[in-house]
């Protein structure tokens, strides 16, 4: 997350969601930017943890538990199948 300062920076690089881990519930949520009400493109990523609340337990995530997820790397290259442009 150090490379991205604002939500706009992450979105400009192609990231579509925020990863939030709840240490109490032991669950990780991947929240798309469009579903995060009140979050603006100029909001700083290191400040978002103060505005997030777990719907299950009501706890707030620690700053290190809010990050941009790493892209998934598939062995052998990208997936190909019905509905994709692969050969």
C-alpha atoms as a PDB file:
ATOM      1  CA  UNK A   1       0.000   0.000   0.000  1.00  0.00           C
ATOM      2  CA  UNK A   2       3.025   2.268   0.292  1.00  0.00           C
ATOM      3  CA  UNK A   3       2.986   2.972  -3.465  1.00  0.00           C
ATOM      4  CA  UNK A   4      -0.587   4.269  -3.336  1.00  0.00           C
ATOM      5  CA  UNK A   5      -1.381   7.407  -1.380  1.00  0.00           C
ATOM      6  CA  UNK A   6      -5.006   7.988  -2.331  1.00  0.00           C
ATOM      7  CA  UNK A   7      -7.940   5.930  -3.556  1.00  0.00           C
ATOM      8  CA  UNK A   8      -7.488   7.615  -6.943  1.00  0.00           C
ATOM      9  CA  UNK A   9      -3.868   6.358  -7.159  1.00  0.00           C
ATOM     10  CA  UNK A  10      -4.970   2.766  -6.552  1.00  0.00           C
ATOM     11  CA  UNK A  11      -7.860   3.022  -9.012  1.00  0.00           C
ATOM     12  CA  UNK A  12      -5.619   4.560 -11.679  1.00  0.00           C
ATOM     13  CA  UNK A  13      -3.328   1.530 -11.403  1.00  0.00           C
ATOM     14  CA  UNK A  14      -6.260  -0.823 -12.019  1.00  0.00           C
ATOM     15  CA  UNK A  15      -7.105  -1.916  -8.474  1.00  0.00           C
ATOM     16  CA  UNK A  16     -10.842  -2.408  -8.068  1.00  0.00           C
ATOM     17  CA  UNK A  17     -11.144  -3.123  -4.358  1.00  0.00           C
ATOM     18  CA  UNK A  18      -9.805  -2.683  -0.857  1.00  0.00           C
ATOM     19  CA  UNK A  19      -8.795  -5.623   1.339  1.00  0.00           C
ATOM     20  CA  UNK A  20      -9.872  -5.338   4.984  1.00  0.00           C
ATOM     21  CA  UNK A  21      -9.053  -7.955   7.620  1.00  0.00           C
ATOM     22  CA  UNK A  22     -10.924  -8.225  10.925  1.00  0.00           C
ATOM     23  CA  UNK A  23      -8.617  -9.690  13.564  1.00  0.00           C
ATOM     24  CA  UNK A  24     -11.548 -10.415  15.906  1.00  0.00           C
ATOM     25  CA  UNK A  25     -13.692 -12.320  13.397  1.00  0.00           C
ATOM     26  CA  UNK A  26     -10.693 -13.719  11.502  1.00  0.00           C
ATOM     27  CA  UNK A  27     -12.278 -12.818   8.183  1.00  0.00           C
ATOM     28  CA  UNK A  28     -10.971 -10.884   5.183  1.00  0.00           C
ATOM     29  CA  UNK A  29     -13.297  -8.750   3.076  1.00  0.00           C
ATOM     30  CA  UNK A  30     -12.578  -7.501  -0.438  1.00  0.00           C
ATOM     31  CA  UNK A  31     -14.705  -4.376  -0.813  1.00  0.00           C
ATOM     32  CA  UNK A  32     -15.130  -2.829  -4.282  1.00  0.00           C
ATOM     33  CA  UNK A  33     -14.565   0.929  -4.358  1.00  0.00           C
ATOM     34  CA  UNK A  34     -18.066   1.546  -5.730  1.00  0.00           C
ATOM     35  CA  UNK A  35     -19.630  -0.075  -2.637  1.00  0.00           C
ATOM     36  CA  UNK A  36     -17.749   2.096  -0.150  1.00  0.00           C
ATOM     37  CA  UNK A  37     -20.167   4.903   0.645  1.00  0.00           C
ATOM     38  CA  UNK A  38     -18.605   8.229   1.472  1.00  0.00           C
ATOM     39  CA  UNK A  39     -15.167   7.339   0.134  1.00  0.00           C
ATOM     40  CA  UNK A  40     -13.859   9.901  -2.330  1.00  0.00           C
ATOM     41  CA  UNK A  41     -11.055   9.526  -4.855  1.00  0.00           C
ATOM     42  CA  UNK A  42      -8.916  11.956  -2.881  1.00  0.00           C
ATOM     43  CA  UNK A  43      -9.196  10.062   0.418  1.00  0.00           C
ATOM     44  CA  UNK A  44      -5.899   8.783   1.779  1.00  0.00           C
ATOM     45  CA  UNK A  45      -5.583   5.005   2.075  1.00  0.00           C
ATOM     46  CA  UNK A  46      -3.766   5.246   5.401  1.00  0.00           C
ATOM     47  CA  UNK A  47      -6.768   7.060   6.900  1.00  0.00           C
ATOM     48  CA  UNK A  48      -9.526   4.678   5.705  1.00  0.00           C
ATOM     49  CA  UNK A  49      -9.204   2.333   8.723  1.00  0.00           C
ATOM     50  CA  UNK A  50     -10.702   5.061  10.928  1.00  0.00           C
ATOM     51  CA  UNK A  51     -13.950   5.007   8.922  1.00  0.00           C
ATOM     52  CA  UNK A  52     -14.410   1.230   8.532  1.00  0.00           C
ATOM     53  CA  UNK A  53     -16.418  -0.964  10.918  1.00  0.00           C
ATOM     54  CA  UNK A  54     -16.890  -4.748  10.802  1.00  0.00           C
ATOM     55  CA  UNK A  55     -20.562  -5.564  10.254  1.00  0.00           C
ATOM     56  CA  UNK A  56     -20.224  -8.814  12.200  1.00  0.00           C
ATOM     57  CA  UNK A  57     -18.500  -7.732  15.427  1.00  0.00           C
ATOM     58  CA  UNK A  58     -18.550  -3.917  15.240  1.00  0.00           C
ATOM     59  CA  UNK A  59     -14.788  -3.631  15.623  1.00  0.00           C
ATOM     60  CA  UNK A  60     -12.484  -1.357  13.666  1.00  0.00           C
ATOM     61  CA  UNK A  61      -9.529  -2.725  11.685  1.00  0.00           C
ATOM     62  CA  UNK A  62      -5.973  -1.862  12.586  1.00  0.00           C
ATOM     63  CA  UNK A  63      -4.144   0.351  10.062  1.00  0.00           C
ATOM     64  CA  UNK A  64      -2.033  -2.604   8.885  1.00  0.00           C
ATOM     65  CA  UNK A  65      -5.210  -4.652   8.227  1.00  0.00           C
ATOM     66  CA  UNK A  66      -6.404  -2.295   5.471  1.00  0.00           C
ATOM     67  CA  UNK A  67      -4.514  -2.683   2.201  1.00  0.00           C
ATOM     68  CA  UNK A  68      -4.664  -3.056  -1.555  1.00  0.00           C
ATOM     69  CA  UNK A  69      -4.845  -6.784  -2.452  1.00  0.00           C
ATOM     70  CA  UNK A  70      -2.038  -8.267  -4.491  1.00  0.00           C
ATOM     71  CA  UNK A  71      -3.066  -9.342  -7.991  1.00  0.00           C
ATOM     72  CA  UNK A  72      -3.699 -13.060  -8.323  1.00  0.00           C
ATOM     73  CA  UNK A  73      -1.096 -14.828 -10.440  1.00  0.00           C
ATOM     74  CA  UNK A  74      -2.284 -17.992 -12.133  1.00  0.00           C
ATOM     75  CA  UNK A  75       0.298 -20.686 -12.932  1.00  0.00           C
ATOM     76  CA  UNK A  76       0.644 -21.096 -16.667  1.00  0.00           C
ATOM     77  CA  UNK A  77      -0.709 -17.662 -17.526  1.00  0.00           C
ATOM     78  CA  UNK A  78      -4.159 -16.094 -17.647  1.00  0.00           C
ATOM     79  CA  UNK A  79      -7.313 -18.159 -17.579  1.00  0.00           C
ATOM     80  CA  UNK A  80      -8.993 -19.043 -20.841  1.00  0.00           C
ATOM     81  CA  UNK A  81     -12.451 -20.441 -21.255  1.00  0.00           C
ATOM     82  CA  UNK A  82     -15.977 -19.705 -22.410  1.00  0.00           C
ATOM     83  CA  UNK A  83     -16.626 -16.022 -22.665  1.00  0.00           C
ATOM     84  CA  UNK A  84     -12.953 -15.029 -22.661  1.00  0.00           C
ATOM     85  CA  UNK A  85     -10.855 -13.923 -25.583  1.00  0.00           C
ATOM     86  CA  UNK A  86      -8.268 -16.712 -25.100  1.00  0.00           C
ATOM     87  CA  UNK A  87      -7.549 -19.283 -27.802  1.00  0.00           C
END
